N, C-alpha and C. Protein backbone atom coordinates (compact mmCIF):
# COMPACT_ATOMS: atom_id res chain seq x y z
N UNK A 1 7.61 -1.38 -14.15
CA UNK A 1 7.93 0.20 -13.17
C UNK A 1 6.17 0.86 -13.57
N UNK A 2 6.30 1.00 -13.67
CA UNK A 2 5.44 2.00 -13.61
C UNK A 2 5.73 3.53 -12.87
N UNK A 3 5.47 4.73 -14.06
CA UNK A 3 5.82 5.93 -13.27
C UNK A 3 4.21 6.28 -13.19
N UNK A 4 3.67 6.92 -11.68
CA UNK A 4 1.92 7.32 -11.65
C UNK A 4 1.66 8.24 -11.94
N UNK A 5 2.64 8.82 -12.89
CA UNK A 5 1.51 10.48 -13.65
C UNK A 5 1.48 10.03 -14.22
N UNK A 6 1.93 9.07 -14.95
CA UNK A 6 2.42 8.67 -16.62
C UNK A 6 0.41 7.37 -16.83
N UNK A 7 -0.06 6.78 -15.70
CA UNK A 7 -1.02 6.86 -15.72
C UNK A 7 -2.05 6.80 -14.82
N UNK A 8 -1.95 8.04 -14.22
CA UNK A 8 -3.31 7.89 -13.40
C UNK A 8 -4.35 8.85 -14.13
N UNK A 9 -4.42 8.27 -15.84
CA UNK A 9 -6.25 8.92 -15.73
C UNK A 9 -6.27 7.87 -16.49
N UNK A 10 -5.64 6.98 -16.35
CA UNK A 10 -6.29 5.75 -16.97
C UNK A 10 -6.80 4.46 -15.31
N UNK A 11 -6.04 4.74 -13.91
CA UNK A 11 -6.46 4.06 -13.68
C UNK A 11 -7.37 4.82 -12.66
N UNK A 12 -8.42 3.74 -12.13
CA UNK A 12 -9.44 3.62 -11.17
C UNK A 12 -8.32 4.05 -9.54
N UNK A 13 -7.99 2.96 -9.57
CA UNK A 13 -8.48 2.21 -8.37
C UNK A 13 -6.68 1.55 -7.88
N UNK A 14 -5.65 1.72 -6.80
CA UNK A 14 -4.76 1.04 -6.90
C UNK A 14 -4.82 -0.20 -6.10
N UNK A 15 -4.43 -1.03 -6.32
CA UNK A 15 -4.28 -2.48 -4.78
C UNK A 15 -3.27 -2.38 -4.37
N UNK A 16 -3.09 -2.60 -2.96
CA UNK A 16 -2.33 -3.10 -2.43
C UNK A 16 -1.73 -4.41 -2.24
N UNK A 17 -0.98 -5.34 -2.53
CA UNK A 17 -0.26 -6.54 -2.27
C UNK A 17 0.98 -6.72 -1.20
N UNK A 18 0.11 -7.45 0.02
CA UNK A 18 1.71 -7.46 0.91
C UNK A 18 2.37 -9.27 0.21
N UNK A 19 3.52 -9.79 -0.32
CA UNK A 19 3.96 -10.72 0.06
C UNK A 19 2.09 -12.45 -1.77
N UNK A 20 2.26 -10.96 -2.37
CA UNK A 20 1.44 -11.26 -3.35
C UNK A 20 0.25 -11.39 -2.65
N UNK A 21 -0.45 -11.12 -1.94
CA UNK A 21 -1.49 -10.72 -1.33
C UNK A 21 -2.85 -9.93 -1.17
N UNK A 22 -3.81 -9.40 -1.91
CA UNK A 22 -4.20 -7.75 -1.25
C UNK A 22 -4.01 -7.82 -0.69
N UNK A 23 -3.98 -6.24 -0.21
CA UNK A 23 -4.76 -6.64 2.00
C UNK A 23 -5.37 -5.11 1.54
N UNK A 24 -5.08 -4.08 0.17
CA UNK A 24 -6.15 -3.08 0.51
C UNK A 24 -6.53 -1.73 -0.73
N UNK A 25 -7.38 -1.45 -0.64
CA UNK A 25 -7.31 -0.78 -1.87
C UNK A 25 -7.18 1.17 -1.71
N UNK A 26 -6.21 1.60 -2.69
CA UNK A 26 -6.84 3.11 -2.40
C UNK A 26 -7.60 4.05 -4.22
N UNK A 27 -7.87 4.69 -4.02
CA UNK A 27 -7.81 6.22 -4.88
C UNK A 27 -7.00 6.72 -5.25
N UNK A 28 -6.10 6.54 -4.64
CA UNK A 28 -5.29 7.79 -4.53
C UNK A 28 -3.74 7.67 -4.58
N UNK A 29 -2.50 7.46 -5.41
CA UNK A 29 -1.23 6.25 -4.63
C UNK A 29 -0.14 7.87 -6.02
N UNK A 30 1.47 7.87 -4.83
CA UNK A 30 1.60 8.53 -5.74
C UNK A 30 3.05 8.23 -5.56
N UNK A 31 4.06 8.20 -5.84
CA UNK A 31 5.89 7.57 -5.70
C UNK A 31 5.91 9.18 -5.22
N UNK A 32 6.89 9.33 -4.25
CA UNK A 32 7.26 11.21 -3.98
C UNK A 32 8.66 10.69 -4.67
N UNK A 33 8.75 11.46 -5.17
CA UNK A 33 10.64 11.80 -5.39
C UNK A 33 11.53 12.28 -4.74
N UNK A 34 12.76 11.63 -5.44
CA UNK A 34 14.42 12.57 -4.40
C UNK A 34 14.55 10.94 -3.59
N UNK A 35 13.29 9.97 -3.22
CA UNK A 35 13.08 8.74 -2.52
C UNK A 35 12.08 7.60 -2.64
N UNK A 36 12.28 6.81 -2.22
CA UNK A 36 11.64 5.30 -2.87
C UNK A 36 10.55 4.96 -1.75
N UNK A 37 9.82 6.91 -1.65
CA UNK A 37 8.46 6.86 -0.99
C UNK A 37 6.79 6.22 -1.06
N UNK A 38 6.32 5.53 -1.15
CA UNK A 38 5.35 4.96 -1.77
C UNK A 38 4.08 5.84 -0.46
N UNK A 39 3.68 6.79 -1.68
CA UNK A 39 2.36 6.79 -0.66
C UNK A 39 0.86 6.47 -1.01
N UNK A 40 -0.43 5.64 -0.86
CA UNK A 40 -1.49 5.64 -1.24
C UNK A 40 -2.93 6.78 0.09
N UNK A 41 -3.44 6.49 -0.32
CA UNK A 41 -4.11 7.67 0.61
C UNK A 41 -5.92 7.63 -0.11
N UNK A 42 -6.29 7.43 1.22
CA UNK A 42 -8.43 7.31 0.39
C UNK A 42 -8.75 5.79 0.43
N UNK A 43 -8.03 5.24 1.56
CA UNK A 43 -8.73 3.30 0.91
C UNK A 43 -9.49 2.81 1.91
N UNK A 44 -9.55 1.05 1.56
CA UNK A 44 -10.01 0.85 2.58
C UNK A 44 -9.68 -0.86 2.87
N UNK A 45 -8.97 -0.49 4.07
CA UNK A 45 -8.35 -2.84 4.05
C UNK A 45 -9.25 -3.73 4.01
N UNK A 46 -8.57 -4.66 3.51
CA UNK A 46 -9.47 -6.07 3.31
C UNK A 46 -9.30 -6.27 4.36
N UNK A 47 -8.47 -6.30 5.70
CA UNK A 47 -8.42 -7.15 6.56
C UNK A 47 -7.33 -6.47 7.57
N UNK A 48 -7.07 -7.72 8.66
CA UNK A 48 -6.79 -7.11 9.58
C UNK A 48 -5.16 -7.41 9.37
N UNK A 49 -4.25 -6.83 8.44
CA UNK A 49 -2.91 -7.04 8.11
C UNK A 49 -2.60 -6.07 7.61
N UNK A 50 -2.72 -4.86 7.41
CA UNK A 50 -1.99 -3.21 7.72
C UNK A 50 -1.89 -3.21 9.35
N UNK A 51 -3.18 -3.36 10.20
CA UNK A 51 -2.93 -3.06 11.94
C UNK A 51 -1.95 -4.54 12.04
N UNK A 52 -1.70 -5.10 11.71
CA UNK A 52 -0.32 -6.32 12.81
C UNK A 52 0.61 -5.54 12.13
N UNK A 53 0.46 -5.34 11.05
CA UNK A 53 1.94 -4.66 10.64
C UNK A 53 2.12 -3.69 11.20
N UNK A 54 1.67 -2.44 11.18
CA UNK A 54 1.57 -1.64 12.39
C UNK A 54 1.90 -2.05 13.48
N UNK A 55 1.45 -3.12 14.63
CA UNK A 55 1.82 -3.25 15.51
C UNK A 55 3.02 -3.45 15.32
N UNK A 56 3.50 -4.46 13.89
CA UNK A 56 4.89 -4.92 14.63
C UNK A 56 6.03 -4.55 14.50
N UNK A 57 5.72 -3.25 13.03
CA UNK A 57 6.55 -2.23 12.97
C UNK A 57 6.89 -1.46 15.02
N UNK A 58 5.78 -1.30 15.19
CA UNK A 58 5.92 -0.25 17.34
C UNK A 58 6.96 -1.37 17.46
N UNK A 59 6.13 -2.44 17.26
CA UNK A 59 7.27 -4.08 18.13
C UNK A 59 9.27 -3.85 18.25
N UNK A 60 9.42 -3.59 16.64
CA UNK A 60 11.09 -4.23 16.37
C UNK A 60 10.49 -3.51 14.80
N UNK A 61 10.67 -1.73 14.71
CA UNK A 61 11.45 -1.09 13.32
C UNK A 61 12.24 -1.10 12.54
N UNK A 62 13.00 -2.63 12.92
CA UNK A 62 14.01 -3.42 12.02
C UNK A 62 14.18 -4.36 11.46
N UNK A 63 12.55 -5.84 12.24
CA UNK A 63 12.42 -6.99 11.97
C UNK A 63 11.06 -6.90 10.95
N UNK A 64 10.76 -5.12 11.15
CA UNK A 64 9.26 -5.83 10.39
C UNK A 64 9.07 -5.30 8.24
N UNK A 65 10.47 -5.39 8.03
CA UNK A 65 10.32 -5.32 6.18
C UNK A 65 9.53 -6.00 6.13
N UNK A 66 9.31 -5.71 4.53
CA UNK A 66 7.81 -6.59 3.95
C UNK A 66 7.92 -6.65 2.44
N UNK A 67 8.11 -7.44 1.08
CA UNK A 67 8.37 -6.92 -0.34
C UNK A 67 6.27 -7.26 -0.78
N UNK A 68 6.23 -6.27 -1.21
CA UNK A 68 4.70 -6.34 -2.41
C UNK A 68 5.29 -5.59 -3.49
N UNK A 69 3.66 -4.78 -3.68
CA UNK A 69 3.22 -4.63 -4.75
C UNK A 69 1.94 -3.41 -5.00
N UNK A 70 2.29 -2.21 -5.55
CA UNK A 70 0.99 -1.73 -5.51
C UNK A 70 1.06 -1.96 -7.45
N UNK A 71 -0.92 -2.36 -7.59
CA UNK A 71 -0.84 -2.21 -8.75
C UNK A 71 -1.91 -2.05 -9.29
N UNK A 72 -1.30 -0.82 -10.16
CA UNK A 72 -3.26 -0.32 -11.33
C UNK A 72 -4.13 -0.61 -11.40
N UNK A 73 -5.58 -0.50 -11.06
CA UNK A 73 -6.53 -0.65 -11.82
C UNK A 73 -7.64 -0.02 -12.07
N UNK A 74 -7.80 -0.95 -14.12
CA UNK A 74 -8.79 -0.36 -13.99
C UNK A 74 -10.28 0.45 -14.30
N UNK A 75 -11.00 0.97 -14.81
CA UNK A 75 -12.22 0.86 -14.68
C UNK A 75 -12.70 -0.19 -14.61
N UNK A 76 -12.40 -1.62 -14.91
CA UNK A 76 -13.33 -2.70 -14.84
C UNK A 76 -12.21 -3.66 -14.24
N UNK A 77 -11.44 -2.88 -13.14
CA UNK A 77 -10.47 -3.97 -12.55
C UNK A 77 -9.28 -5.03 -13.07
N UNK A 78 -9.24 -3.81 -13.94
CA UNK A 78 -8.29 -5.49 -15.21
C UNK A 78 -6.90 -4.49 -15.08
N UNK A 79 -5.57 -5.22 -14.54
CA UNK A 79 -4.46 -4.17 -13.89
C UNK A 79 -4.00 -3.72 -15.75
N UNK A 80 -3.84 -2.48 -15.57
CA UNK A 80 -2.92 -2.55 -16.38
C UNK A 80 -1.22 -2.00 -15.59
N UNK A 81 -0.95 -1.69 -15.12
CA UNK A 81 0.58 -1.91 -14.58
C UNK A 81 0.70 -2.05 -12.99
N UNK A 82 2.22 -2.45 -12.57
CA UNK A 82 2.05 -2.70 -11.50
C UNK A 82 3.95 -2.11 -11.17
N UNK A 83 3.54 -2.14 -9.27
CA UNK A 83 5.24 -1.66 -9.19
C UNK A 83 5.52 -1.94 -7.92
N UNK A 84 6.56 -2.86 -8.60
CA UNK A 84 7.52 -4.26 -7.03
C UNK A 84 7.71 -2.71 -6.03
N UNK A 85 7.66 -3.34 -4.83
CA UNK A 85 8.36 -2.94 -4.13
C UNK A 85 9.30 -4.56 -2.36
N UNK A 86 10.40 -4.38 -2.95
CA UNK A 86 10.90 -5.22 -1.25
C UNK A 86 11.61 -3.78 -0.30
N UNK A 87 11.71 -5.16 0.62
CA UNK A 87 13.01 -4.16 1.88
C UNK A 87 11.31 -2.84 2.54
N UNK A 88 10.84 -3.19 2.31
CA UNK A 88 9.53 -1.93 2.47
C UNK A 88 9.16 -1.24 4.13
N UNK A 89 9.36 -0.38 5.31
CA UNK A 89 8.94 0.22 5.89
C UNK A 89 7.71 0.30 6.12
N UNK A 90 6.49 0.44 6.54
CA UNK A 90 5.79 1.64 6.95
C UNK A 90 6.21 2.27 8.00
N UNK A 91 6.39 3.78 7.50
CA UNK A 91 6.47 4.96 7.60
C UNK A 91 5.09 5.69 8.34
N UNK A 92 4.18 5.59 7.68
CA UNK A 92 2.83 6.32 7.98
C UNK A 92 1.71 5.32 7.91
N UNK A 93 1.10 5.20 9.03
CA UNK A 93 -0.42 4.62 9.39
C UNK A 93 -1.26 5.21 9.75
N UNK A 94 -1.87 5.38 8.75
CA UNK A 94 -3.25 7.18 9.28
C UNK A 94 -4.84 6.12 9.00
N UNK A 95 -5.20 5.15 9.86
CA UNK A 95 -6.56 4.31 9.69
C UNK A 95 -7.13 3.79 11.24
N UNK A 96 -7.67 4.01 11.86
CA UNK A 96 -8.21 3.61 12.67
C UNK A 96 -8.40 1.42 13.47
N UNK A 97 -7.94 1.81 14.13
CA UNK A 97 -7.56 0.31 14.92
C UNK A 97 -8.53 0.13 14.95
N UNK A 98 -9.16 -1.66 14.03
CA UNK A 98 -9.83 -2.26 13.97
C UNK A 98 -9.90 -3.21 14.88
N UNK A 99 -11.45 -3.49 15.07
CA UNK A 99 -12.16 -4.61 15.73
C UNK A 99 -11.88 -5.95 15.75
N UNK A 100 -12.31 -6.74 16.07
CA UNK A 100 -12.34 -8.29 15.70
C UNK A 100 -13.92 -8.19 15.09
N UNK A 101 -14.80 -7.83 15.00
CA UNK A 101 -15.74 -8.23 14.56
C UNK A 101 -16.02 -6.99 13.47
N UNK A 102 -15.10 -6.51 12.68
CA UNK A 102 -15.45 -6.12 11.69
C UNK A 102 -13.21 -6.13 11.44
N UNK A 103 -13.65 -6.53 10.41
CA UNK A 103 -11.53 -6.58 9.56
C UNK A 103 -11.60 -5.51 8.85
N UNK A 104 -12.97 -5.27 7.97
CA UNK A 104 -13.00 -4.11 7.14
C UNK A 104 -12.52 -2.84 7.41
N UNK A 105 -11.98 -1.82 7.02
CA UNK A 105 -12.20 -1.02 7.54
C UNK A 105 -10.79 0.99 6.62
N UNK A 106 -11.83 2.24 7.21
CA UNK A 106 -10.74 3.47 6.27
C UNK A 106 -9.47 2.93 6.21
N UNK A 107 -8.60 3.24 5.65
CA UNK A 107 -7.50 4.22 6.56
C UNK A 107 -6.81 4.96 4.99
N UNK A 108 -7.01 6.08 5.96
CA UNK A 108 -6.54 7.26 5.01
C UNK A 108 -5.63 7.60 4.49
N UNK A 109 -4.33 7.70 5.27
CA UNK A 109 -2.76 7.01 4.51
C UNK A 109 -1.90 6.29 4.87
N UNK A 110 -1.48 5.75 4.48
CA UNK A 110 -0.09 4.44 3.82
C UNK A 110 1.20 5.19 3.92
N UNK A 111 2.17 5.52 3.85
CA UNK A 111 2.75 5.67 3.56
C UNK A 111 4.50 4.62 3.83
N UNK A 112 5.03 3.43 2.99
CA UNK A 112 5.74 2.60 3.07
C UNK A 112 6.96 3.39 1.95
N UNK A 113 8.51 3.52 2.99
CA UNK A 113 9.22 3.32 2.38
C UNK A 113 10.76 2.00 1.92
N UNK A 114 10.89 2.06 1.27
CA UNK A 114 11.21 1.08 0.30
C UNK A 114 12.60 1.30 -0.35
N UNK A 115 13.56 -0.28 -0.01
CA UNK A 115 14.83 -0.17 -0.75
C UNK A 115 15.08 -0.80 -1.70
N UNK A 116 14.18 -1.67 -2.25
CA UNK A 116 14.33 -1.53 -3.64
C UNK A 116 12.42 -1.06 -4.59
N UNK A 117 12.63 -0.42 -5.91
CA UNK A 117 12.08 -0.48 -6.51
C UNK A 117 11.65 -1.04 -7.72
N UNK A 118 10.68 -1.60 -8.29
CA UNK A 118 11.07 -2.54 -10.05
C UNK A 118 9.87 -2.55 -10.32
């Protein structure tokens, strides 16, 4: 597990993985003190996975938990640290709804409430 403040100067990018699959990259990451909330900002999604998760959460908030990791990358896109999470709920998603012609899209803010961090 990494402490985001300790690697902020080394990390250039934060990759979000869900069930081992990279789904987005972000420029900013923080772990909110006092709670297990991961906050990622200023990102780009790789496909429609986050949109589908947002839709599933709206339809069934208690049945849409996911596991994954936030991976800190250096300037050469090499992994320098990893924070794994489990039972994450999509708490905040601020990004445009994608159309079917363009799967990539900007994600302004993404917050995950997690039950487990490692």
